[in-house]
C-alpha atoms as a PDB file:
ATOM      1  CA  MET A   1       0.109  -0.089   0.017  1.00  0.00           C
ATOM      2  CA  THR A   2       1.433   3.438  -1.047  1.00  0.00           C
ATOM      3  CA  THR A   3       1.563   6.166   1.747  1.00  0.00           C
ATOM      4  CA  ASN A   4       0.953   9.680   1.159  1.00  0.00           C
ATOM      5  CA  LEU A   5       4.556  10.011   1.020  1.00  0.00           C
ATOM      6  CA  GLU A   6       5.277   8.401  -1.206  1.00  0.00           C
ATOM      7  CA  ARG A   7       2.604   9.581  -3.251  1.00  0.00           C
ATOM      8  CA  LEU A   8       4.181  12.904  -2.960  1.00  0.00           C
ATOM      9  CA  GLN A   9       7.215  11.991  -3.957  1.00  0.00           C
ATOM     10  CA  GLN A  10       6.352   9.845  -7.198  1.00  0.00           C
ATOM     11  CA  GLN A  11       4.010  13.660  -7.921  1.00  0.00           C
ATOM     12  CA  ALA A  12       6.943  15.833  -7.793  1.00  0.00           C
ATOM     13  CA  GLN A  13       9.497  13.367  -9.363  1.00  0.00           C
ATOM     14  CA  ALA A  14       6.484  12.715 -12.422  1.00  0.00           C
ATOM     15  CA  GLY A  15       7.058  17.394 -12.541  1.00  0.00           C
ATOM     16  CA  ALA A  16      10.401  17.245 -12.802  1.00  0.00           C
ATOM     17  CA  GLU A  17      10.157  14.917 -15.771  1.00  0.00           C
ATOM     18  CA  VAL A  18       7.948  16.956 -17.456  1.00  0.00           C
ATOM     19  CA  GLN A  19      10.029  20.252 -16.802  1.00  0.00           C
ATOM     20  CA  ALA A  20      13.166  18.706 -17.907  1.00  0.00           C
ATOM     21  CA  ASP A  21      10.935  17.907 -21.247  1.00  0.00           C
ATOM     22  CA  VAL A  22      10.041  21.686 -22.017  1.00  0.00           C
ATOM     23  CA  GLN A  23      11.976  23.265 -24.222  1.00  0.00           C
ATOM     24  CA  PRO A  24      12.554  27.031 -23.896  1.00  0.00           C
ATOM     25  CA  PHE A  25      10.026  29.738 -25.245  1.00  0.00           C
ATOM     26  CA  ASP A  26      10.561  30.436 -29.012  1.00  0.00           C
ATOM     27  CA  TYR A  27      10.352  34.031 -28.899  1.00  0.00           C
ATOM     28  CA  LEU A  28      10.435  34.882 -33.003  1.00  0.00           C
ATOM     29  CA  TYR A  29       7.975  31.440 -33.629  1.00  0.00           C
ATOM     30  CA  ALA A  30       5.455  33.823 -31.309  1.00  0.00           C
ATOM     31  CA  VAL A  31       5.645  36.627 -33.079  1.00  0.00           C
ATOM     32  CA  ARG A  32       5.162  34.619 -36.194  1.00  0.00           C
ATOM     33  CA  LEU A  33       1.972  33.008 -34.642  1.00  0.00           C
ATOM     34  CA  VAL A  34       0.771  36.798 -33.797  1.00  0.00           C
ATOM     35  CA  ARG A  35       1.510  38.080 -37.171  1.00  0.00           C
ATOM     36  CA  GLN A  36      -0.032  35.547 -38.989  1.00  0.00           C
ATOM     37  CA  ALA A  37      -3.304  35.782 -37.168  1.00  0.00           C
ATOM     38  CA  ASN A  38      -3.102  39.440 -37.081  1.00  0.00           C
ATOM     39  CA  PRO A  39      -0.930  40.872 -39.822  1.00  0.00           C
ATOM     40  CA  GLY A  40      -1.734  44.548 -38.588  1.00  0.00           C
ATOM     41  CA  LEU A  41      -0.471  44.222 -35.295  1.00  0.00           C
ATOM     42  CA  ASP A  42       2.730  45.656 -34.796  1.00  0.00           C
ATOM     43  CA  GLY A  43       4.806  47.190 -31.731  1.00  0.00           C
ATOM     44  CA  GLN A  44       2.594  47.420 -27.902  1.00  0.00           C
ATOM     45  CA  ALA A  45       0.262  45.351 -29.521  1.00  0.00           C
ATOM     46  CA  LEU A  46       2.268  43.116 -31.188  1.00  0.00           C
ATOM     47  CA  GLN A  47       3.899  42.590 -27.785  1.00  0.00           C
ATOM     48  CA  SER A  48       0.822  42.290 -25.804  1.00  0.00           C
ATOM     49  CA  ALA A  49      -0.257  38.831 -28.012  1.00  0.00           C
ATOM     50  CA  VAL A  50       3.630  37.587 -27.897  1.00  0.00           C
ATOM     51  CA  ASP A  51       3.477  37.683 -23.919  1.00  0.00           C
ATOM     52  CA  ARG A  52      -0.173  36.021 -23.168  1.00  0.00           C
ATOM     53  CA  ILE A  53       1.674  33.188 -25.965  1.00  0.00           C
ATOM     54  CA  LYS A  54       4.632  32.995 -23.437  1.00  0.00           C
ATOM     55  CA  ALA A  55       2.546  33.363 -20.626  1.00  0.00           C
ATOM     56  CA  MET A  56      -0.038  30.074 -21.687  1.00  0.00           C
ATOM     57  CA  TYR A  57       3.714  28.286 -22.795  1.00  0.00           C
ATOM     58  CA  LEU A  58       4.827  28.628 -19.094  1.00  0.00           C
ATOM     59  CA  ALA A  59       1.695  27.380 -17.734  1.00  0.00           C
ATOM     60  CA  THR A  60       1.117  24.078 -20.056  1.00  0.00           C
ATOM     61  CA  GLY A  61       3.602  23.524 -22.206  1.00  0.00           C
ATOM     62  CA  THR A  62       2.213  24.393 -25.708  1.00  0.00           C
ATOM     63  CA  TYR A  63       1.681  27.474 -27.270  1.00  0.00           C
ATOM     64  CA  ALA A  64      -1.537  28.313 -28.255  1.00  0.00           C
ATOM     65  CA  GLU A  65      -2.413  30.698 -31.173  1.00  0.00           C
ATOM     66  CA  PRO A  66      -4.153  33.758 -30.885  1.00  0.00           C
ATOM     67  CA  GLN A  67      -7.533  33.238 -30.913  1.00  0.00           C
ATOM     68  CA  ALA A  68      -8.609  35.245 -34.556  1.00  0.00           C
ATOM     69  CA  THR A  69     -10.886  38.014 -34.784  1.00  0.00           C
ATOM     70  CA  ALA A  70     -13.039  39.229 -37.721  1.00  0.00           C
ATOM     71  CA  GLN A  71     -10.550  41.987 -38.373  1.00  0.00           C
ATOM     72  CA  SER A  72      -7.980  39.736 -38.833  1.00  0.00           C
ATOM     73  CA  ILE A  73      -9.448  37.328 -41.413  1.00  0.00           C
ATOM     74  CA  VAL A  74     -10.512  40.081 -43.144  1.00  0.00           C
ATOM     75  CA  ARG A  75      -7.461  41.478 -43.218  1.00  0.00           C
ATOM     76  CA  ARG A  76      -5.549  38.156 -44.170  1.00  0.00           C
ATOM     77  CA  HIS A  77      -8.164  37.232 -47.444  1.00  0.00           C
ATOM     78  CA  MET A  78      -7.871  40.970 -48.730  1.00  0.00           C
ATOM     79  CA  GLY A  79      -4.072  40.316 -48.342  1.00  0.00           C
ATOM     80  CA  LYS A  80      -4.044  37.364 -50.584  1.00  0.00           C
ATOM     81  CA  ALA A  81      -6.373  39.426 -53.029  1.00  0.00           C
ATOM     82  CA  GLN A  82      -3.998  41.969 -53.046  1.00  0.00           C
ATOM     83  CA  ALA A  83      -1.283  39.464 -53.517  1.00  0.00           C
ATOM     84  CA  GLN A  84      -2.787  37.505 -56.348  1.00  0.00           C
ATOM     85  CA  ARG A  85      -4.007  41.007 -58.017  1.00  0.00           C
ATOM     86  CA  ARG A  86      -0.048  42.300 -57.934  1.00  0.00           C
ATOM     87  CA  GLU A  87       1.196  39.203 -59.223  1.00  0.00           C
ATOM     88  CA  MET A  88      -1.492  39.146 -62.143  1.00  0.00           C
ATOM     89  CA  ALA A  89      -0.854  42.975 -63.013  1.00  0.00           C
ATOM     90  CA  LYS A  90       2.927  42.006 -62.733  1.00  0.00           C
ATOM     91  CA  GLU A  91       1.743  39.301 -65.831  1.00  0.00           C
ATOM     92  CA  LEU A  92      -0.004  41.703 -67.616  1.00  0.00           C
ATOM     93  CA  ARG A  93       3.200  43.755 -67.824  1.00  0.00           C
ATOM     94  CA  ALA A  94       5.187  41.023 -68.409  1.00  0.00           C
ATOM     95  CA  ILE A  95       3.587  40.973 -71.738  1.00  0.00           C
ATOM     96  CA  GLY A  96       3.169  44.449 -72.832  1.00  0.00           C
ATOM     97  CA  TYR A  97      -0.652  44.864 -71.061  1.00  0.00           C
ATOM     98  CA  ARG A  98      -1.749  48.462 -70.468  1.00  0.00           C
ATOM     99  CA  GLY A  99      -4.583  49.078 -69.103  1.00  0.00           C
ATOM    100  CA  ARG A 100      -7.194  51.547 -70.386  1.00  0.00           C
ATOM    101  CA  TYR A 101      -9.243  53.787 -68.059  1.00  0.00           C
ATOM    102  CA  ALA A 102     -11.444  56.878 -69.321  1.00  0.00           C
ATOM    103  CA  SER A 103     -10.058  60.366 -67.803  1.00  0.00           C
ATOM    104  CA  ALA A 104     -11.767  63.098 -66.251  1.00  0.00           C
ATOM    105  CA  GLY A 105     -12.428  64.699 -68.905  1.00  0.00           C
ATOM    106  CA  GLU A 106     -13.384  61.955 -71.171  1.00  0.00           C
ATOM    107  CA  VAL A 107     -16.083  60.723 -67.994  1.00  0.00           C
ATOM    108  CA  LEU A 108     -17.350  64.405 -67.763  1.00  0.00           C
ATOM    109  CA  ASP A 109     -17.880  64.828 -71.707  1.00  0.00           C
ATOM    110  CA  LEU A 110     -19.801  61.362 -71.606  1.00  0.00           C
ATOM    111  CA  MET A 111     -22.141  62.482 -69.228  1.00  0.00           C
ATOM    112  CA  THR A 112     -22.791  65.717 -70.478  1.00  0.00           C
ATOM    113  CA  GLU A 113     -23.583  63.842 -73.700  1.00  0.00           C
ATOM    114  CA  ALA A 114     -26.030  61.884 -71.761  1.00  0.00           C
ATOM    115  CA  HIS A 115     -27.800  64.157 -70.198  1.00  0.00           C
ATOM    116  CA  ASP A 116     -28.096  66.360 -73.565  1.00  0.00           C
ATOM    117  CA  ARG A 117     -29.819  63.269 -74.378  1.00  0.00           C
ATOM    118  CA  ALA A 118     -31.304  61.519 -71.994  1.00  0.00           C
ATOM    119  CA  LEU A 119     -34.929  63.524 -72.294  1.00  0.00           C
ATOM    120  CA  GLU A 120     -35.273  62.793 -75.982  1.00  0.00           C
ATOM    121  CA  ASP A 121     -37.276  59.647 -76.993  1.00  0.00           C
ATOM    122  CA  THR A 122     -34.198  58.264 -79.039  1.00  0.00           C
ATOM    123  CA  ARG A 123     -31.010  57.542 -77.038  1.00  0.00           C
ATOM    124  CA  PRO A 124     -27.088  56.855 -77.855  1.00  0.00           C
ATOM    125  CA  SER A 125     -25.825  53.945 -75.280  1.00  0.00           C
ATOM    126  CA  ALA A 126     -22.628  55.030 -73.698  1.00  0.00           C
ATOM    127  CA  ARG A 127     -21.124  52.681 -75.714  1.00  0.00           C
ATOM    128  CA  ALA A 128     -21.795  54.696 -78.392  1.00  0.00           C
ATOM    129  CA  ILE A 129     -20.916  57.750 -77.177  1.00  0.00           C
ATOM    130  CA  LEU A 130     -17.609  57.092 -75.991  1.00  0.00           C
ATOM    131  CA  ARG A 131     -17.363  55.453 -79.983  1.00  0.00           C
ATOM    132  CA  GLN A 132     -17.436  58.498 -81.398  1.00  0.00           C
ATOM    133  CA  GLN A 133     -15.149  60.173 -78.849  1.00  0.00           C
ATOM    134  CA  VAL A 134     -12.367  57.642 -77.973  1.00  0.00           C
ATOM    135  CA  GLY A 135     -12.972  55.486 -81.217  1.00  0.00           C
ATOM    136  CA  GLU A 136     -14.117  52.163 -81.979  1.00  0.00           C
ATOM    137  CA  ASP A 137     -11.302  49.844 -80.074  1.00  0.00           C
ATOM    138  CA  ASP A 138     -11.603  51.953 -76.742  1.00  0.00           C
ATOM    139  CA  ALA A 139     -15.393  52.496 -76.416  1.00  0.00           C
ATOM    140  CA  SER A 140     -16.381  48.775 -75.296  1.00  0.00           C
ATOM    141  CA  ARG A 141     -13.732  48.574 -72.853  1.00  0.00           C
ATOM    142  CA  LEU A 142     -14.347  51.852 -71.436  1.00  0.00           C
ATOM    143  CA  ALA A 143     -17.889  51.060 -71.207  1.00  0.00           C
ATOM    144  CA  THR A 144     -18.114  48.884 -68.711  1.00  0.00           C
ATOM    145  CA  THR A 145     -15.321  49.606 -66.486  1.00  0.00           C
ATOM    146  CA  LYS A 146     -15.794  52.010 -63.487  1.00  0.00           C
ATOM    147  CA  SER A 147     -14.728  55.083 -63.105  1.00  0.00           C
ATOM    148  CA  ARG A 148     -13.878  57.137 -59.788  1.00  0.00           C
ATOM    149  CA  HIS A 149     -14.645  60.346 -62.499  1.00  0.00           C
ATOM    150  CA  LEU A 150     -18.566  59.735 -61.960  1.00  0.00           C
ATOM    151  CA  LYS A 151     -18.963  61.263 -59.061  1.00  0.00           C
ATOM    152  CA  SER A 152     -17.177  64.275 -59.746  1.00  0.00           C
ATOM    153  CA  ALA A 153     -19.142  64.693 -63.480  1.00  0.00           C
ATOM    154  CA  MET A 154     -22.370  64.665 -62.080  1.00  0.00           C
ATOM    155  CA  GLN A 155     -21.669  67.264 -59.859  1.00  0.00           C
ATOM    156  CA  LYS A 156     -20.006  69.650 -62.399  1.00  0.00           C
ATOM    157  CA  LEU A 157     -23.367  68.208 -63.757  1.00  0.00           C
ATOM    158  CA  ALA A 158     -25.433  69.700 -61.266  1.00  0.00           C
ATOM    159  CA  ASP A 159     -27.444  72.829 -62.576  1.00  0.00           C
ATOM    160  CA  HIS A 160     -28.091  70.699 -66.401  1.00  0.00           C
ATOM    161  CA  PRO A 161     -31.560  71.245 -67.401  1.00  0.00           C
ATOM    162  CA  THR A 162     -31.859  67.425 -66.952  1.00  0.00           C
ATOM    163  CA  ALA A 163     -30.167  67.242 -63.656  1.00  0.00           C
ATOM    164  CA  ARG A 164     -32.618  70.402 -62.711  1.00  0.00           C
ATOM    165  CA  LEU A 165     -35.964  68.251 -63.705  1.00  0.00           C
ATOM    166  CA  MET A 166     -34.560  65.337 -61.614  1.00  0.00           C
ATOM    167  CA  GLU A 167     -33.853  67.679 -58.521  1.00  0.00           C
ATOM    168  CA  ALA A 168     -37.342  68.810 -59.119  1.00  0.00           C
ATOM    169  CA  GLU A 169     -39.307  65.341 -59.625  1.00  0.00           C
ATOM    170  CA  GLY A 170     -37.498  63.317 -57.011  1.00  0.00           C
ATOM    171  CA  MET A 171     -35.341  61.257 -58.831  1.00  0.00           C
ATOM    172  CA  ARG A 172     -31.617  63.488 -58.073  1.00  0.00           C
ATOM    173  CA  THR A 173     -31.654  62.354 -54.672  1.00  0.00           C
ATOM    174  CA  ALA A 174     -27.641  61.465 -52.430  1.00  0.00           C
ATOM    175  CA  ARG A 175     -28.923  57.743 -52.957  1.00  0.00           C
ATOM    176  CA  ASP A 176     -29.603  58.487 -56.900  1.00  0.00           C
ATOM    177  CA  VAL A 177     -25.936  59.740 -57.948  1.00  0.00           C
ATOM    178  CA  SER A 178     -24.932  57.312 -55.799  1.00  0.00           C
ATOM    179  CA  GLU A 179     -26.054  54.453 -57.484  1.00  0.00           C
ATOM    180  CA  ILE A 180     -25.363  55.928 -60.679  1.00  0.00           C
ATOM    181  CA  CYS A 181     -21.867  56.062 -59.888  1.00  0.00           C
ATOM    182  CA  LYS A 182     -21.507  53.057 -58.181  1.00  0.00           C
ATOM    183  CA  SER A 183     -21.406  51.266 -61.401  1.00  0.00           C
ATOM    184  CA  SER A 184     -19.903  50.799 -64.476  1.00  0.00           C
ATOM    185  CA  LEU A 185     -20.055  54.099 -67.166  1.00  0.00           C
ATOM    186  CA  ALA A 186     -22.347  52.026 -69.283  1.00  0.00           C
ATOM    187  CA  GLY A 187     -24.241  51.437 -66.358  1.00  0.00           C
ATOM    188  CA  GLY A 188     -24.411  54.725 -64.784  1.00  0.00           C
ATOM    189  CA  VAL A 189     -25.803  56.156 -67.805  1.00  0.00           C
ATOM    190  CA  ALA A 190     -27.875  53.153 -68.085  1.00  0.00           C
ATOM    191  CA  ALA A 191     -29.403  54.264 -64.533  1.00  0.00           C
ATOM    192  CA  LEU A 192     -29.448  57.958 -65.586  1.00  0.00           C
ATOM    193  CA  TYR A 193     -31.663  56.886 -68.139  1.00  0.00           C
ATOM    194  CA  GLN A 194     -33.893  54.780 -66.230  1.00  0.00           C
ATOM    195  CA  ARG A 195     -34.467  57.796 -63.978  1.00  0.00           C
ATOM    196  CA  ALA A 196     -34.624  60.828 -65.966  1.00  0.00           C
ATOM    197  CA  ASP A 197     -37.618  58.610 -67.149  1.00  0.00           C
ATOM    198  CA  VAL A 198     -39.714  58.854 -64.484  1.00  0.00           C
ATOM    199  CA  ALA A 199     -38.926  62.706 -64.017  1.00  0.00           C
ATOM    200  CA  LYS A 200     -39.700  63.560 -66.849  1.00  0.00           C
ATOM    201  CA  ARG A 201     -43.202  61.466 -66.810  1.00  0.00           C
ATOM    202  CA  LEU A 202     -43.803  63.029 -63.314  1.00  0.00           C
ATOM    203  CA  ALA A 203     -43.365  66.282 -64.846  1.00  0.00           C
ATOM    204  CA  GLY A 204     -45.866  65.796 -67.794  1.00  0.00           C
ATOM    205  CA  LEU A 205     -48.581  64.520 -64.737  1.00  0.00           C
ATOM    206  CA  ASN A 206     -47.921  67.687 -62.900  1.00  0.00           C
ATOM    207  CA  ASP A 207     -48.439  69.995 -66.352  1.00  0.00           C
ATOM    208  CA  THR A 208     -51.566  67.807 -67.337  1.00  0.00           C
ATOM    209  CA  GLN A 209     -52.803  68.661 -63.486  1.00  0.00           C
ATOM    210  CA  ALA A 210     -51.819  72.107 -63.465  1.00  0.00           C
ATOM    211  CA  GLU A 211     -53.710  72.442 -66.750  1.00  0.00           C
ATOM    212  CA  GLN A 212     -57.207  70.998 -65.788  1.00  0.00           C
ATOM    213  CA  ALA A 213     -56.785  73.080 -62.778  1.00  0.00           C
ATOM    214  CA  ARG A 214     -56.314  75.982 -64.363  1.00  0.00           C
ATOM    215  CA  GLU A 215     -59.238  74.803 -67.046  1.00  0.00           C
ATOM    216  CA  ILE A 216     -61.717  73.965 -63.850  1.00  0.00           C
ATOM    217  CA  ALA A 217     -61.144  77.221 -62.329  1.00  0.00           C
ATOM    218  CA  ALA A 218     -61.748  78.783 -65.276  1.00  0.00           C
ATOM    219  CA  LEU A 219     -65.540  76.963 -65.758  1.00  0.00           C
ATOM    220  CA  LYS A 220     -66.283  77.705 -61.939  1.00  0.00           C
ATOM    221  CA  ALA A 221     -66.052  81.172 -62.889  1.00  0.00           C
ATOM    222  CA  ARG A 222     -68.034  81.406 -65.530  1.00  0.00           C
ATOM    223  CA  LEU A 223     -70.288  79.127 -63.586  1.00  0.00           C
ATOM    224  CA  VAL A 224     -70.960  81.752 -60.834  1.00  0.00           C
ATOM    225  CA  ALA A 225     -70.818  84.543 -63.030  1.00  0.00           C
ATOM    226  CA  LEU A 226     -73.839  83.245 -64.966  1.00  0.00           C
ATOM    227  CA  GLU A 227     -75.492  82.738 -61.542  1.00  0.00           C
ATOM    228  CA  THR A 228     -74.755  86.074 -60.996  1.00  0.00           C
ATOM    229  CA  ARG A 229     -76.564  87.273 -63.924  1.00  0.00           C
ATOM    230  CA  GLN A 230     -79.828  85.378 -63.652  1.00  0.00           C
ATOM    231  CA  ASP A 231     -80.093  86.634 -60.347  1.00  0.00           C
ATOM    232  CA  VAL A 232     -79.680  90.303 -61.376  1.00  0.00           C
ATOM    233  CA  ALA A 233     -82.263  88.874 -64.217  1.00  0.00           C
ATOM    234  CA  GLU A 234     -85.082  87.865 -61.902  1.00  0.00           C
ATOM    235  CA  SER A 235     -84.288  91.032 -59.855  1.00  0.00           C
ATOM    236  CA  GLY A 236     -86.418  92.739 -62.050  1.00  0.00           C
ATOM    237  CA  GLU A 237     -83.357  95.827 -63.242  1.00  0.00           C
ATOM    238  CA  HIS A 238     -81.628  95.093 -65.760  1.00  0.00           C
ATOM    239  CA  TRP A 239     -77.379  94.942 -65.345  1.00  0.00           C
ATOM    240  CA  HIS A 240     -76.817  98.333 -67.005  1.00  0.00           C
ATOM    241  CA  ASP A 241     -79.457 100.169 -65.026  1.00  0.00           C
ATOM    242  CA  VAL A 242     -77.098  98.334 -61.754  1.00  0.00           C
ATOM    243  CA  ALA A 243     -74.159  98.841 -62.998  1.00  0.00           C
ATOM    244  CA  LYS A 244     -74.910 102.578 -63.756  1.00  0.00           C
ATOM    245  CA  ARG A 245     -76.275 103.260 -60.400  1.00  0.00           C
ATOM    246  CA  MET A 246     -72.997 101.260 -58.892  1.00  0.00           C
ATOM    247  CA  ARG A 247     -70.698 103.924 -60.699  1.00  0.00           C
ATOM    248  CA  SER A 248     -72.965 106.631 -59.383  1.00  0.00           C
ATOM    249  CA  GLU A 249     -72.013 105.308 -55.581  1.00  0.00           C
ATOM    250  CA  GLY A 250     -68.740 105.155 -56.193  1.00  0.00           C
ATOM    251  CA  ALA A 251     -68.173 101.851 -56.847  1.00  0.00           C
ATOM    252  CA  THR A 252     -65.159 100.674 -58.948  1.00  0.00           C
ATOM    253  CA  TYR A 253     -65.510  98.454 -62.248  1.00  0.00           C
ATOM    254  CA  GLY A 254     -64.368  95.500 -60.613  1.00  0.00           C
ATOM    255  CA  SER A 255     -66.226  95.552 -58.597  1.00  0.00           C
ATOM    256  CA  ILE A 256     -69.666  95.971 -60.801  1.00  0.00           C
ATOM    257  CA  ALA A 257     -68.158  92.938 -63.226  1.00  0.00           C
ATOM    258  CA  LYS A 258     -68.630  91.162 -59.988  1.00  0.00           C
ATOM    259  CA  ALA A 259     -71.917  91.881 -58.588  1.00  0.00           C
ATOM    260  CA  THR A 260     -73.159  92.199 -62.623  1.00  0.00           C
ATOM    261  CA  GLY A 261     -71.721  88.400 -63.513  1.00  0.00           C
ATOM    262  CA  GLN A 262     -70.192  90.327 -66.675  1.00  0.00           C
ATOM    263  CA  LYS A 263     -67.025  90.689 -67.696  1.00  0.00           C
ATOM    264  CA  LEU A 264     -64.697  94.130 -66.842  1.00  0.00           C
ATOM    265  CA  ASP A 265     -64.298  95.403 -70.540  1.00  0.00           C
ATOM    266  CA  THR A 266     -68.107  94.942 -71.001  1.00  0.00           C
ATOM    267  CA  VAL A 267     -68.586  96.887 -67.417  1.00  0.00           C
ATOM    268  CA  LYS A 268     -66.157  99.648 -69.036  1.00  0.00           C
ATOM    269  CA  LYS A 269     -68.013  99.946 -72.254  1.00  0.00           C
ATOM    270  CA  VAL A 270     -71.799 100.387 -70.811  1.00  0.00           C
ATOM    271  CA  ILE A 271     -70.739 103.175 -68.289  1.00  0.00           C
ATOM    272  CA  SER A 272     -68.514 105.289 -70.167  1.00  0.00           C
ATOM    273  CA  ARG A 273     -71.790 105.173 -73.275  1.00  0.00           C
ATOM    274  CA  SER A 274     -73.351 106.440 -70.711  1.00  0.00           C
ATOM    275  CA  LYS A 275     -71.671 109.517 -69.960  1.00  0.00           C
END
């Protein structure tokens, strides 16, 4: 039977054997672990992460890899994507390829032409406009690319009649401009045309409603005048006599016309002939 003293001696001996197997802490290896999990860490943050690994190593005898965060995962994958793009660009340069992107002036010319034609029934596509500006070879390539100059062009064209119409009809909000600018040049022109179409239809509806409102107002005025003339006729007094009497009492031509249901010019002529 093992006594307590013998059991303690056995545990001490086992601990000594474990300590003998533990290798010294490898600082450089810990640094590599931290940078692999969090590429953006440096300075004090890096040192803190290494210290945590060291504390874990001294307690357990193993290196515990730092827990990856969402930010570190995004950075790691973005780093890989950037490396792939750099490698692709290097290979393209090796075969003599040079990228072609629209300049600020070319984008402004494109969007100016698109604004000029946006309210027409037949409108050219971005590719057709670019074909006239830069030629057939570059038109297709540029139309399918994005451009950081789109937003600047939209800002410079804020006073264009098409832009003002879109603004008046609520089709050129900050969100609309953002949607136009986030696409390729071809997509941006198409998005502009779509919003211009809606603005044109809304403006047409507003004009029709305004014309209808004017016609209704004119009809109401004619109805009121007719009812007034009937009232005067039913009173038994001719409206000429009513007009002359009111004028002699100091009434204005306008008030006489309203009271008799007659036009202003007609009232003036009747009263002038009676003088």
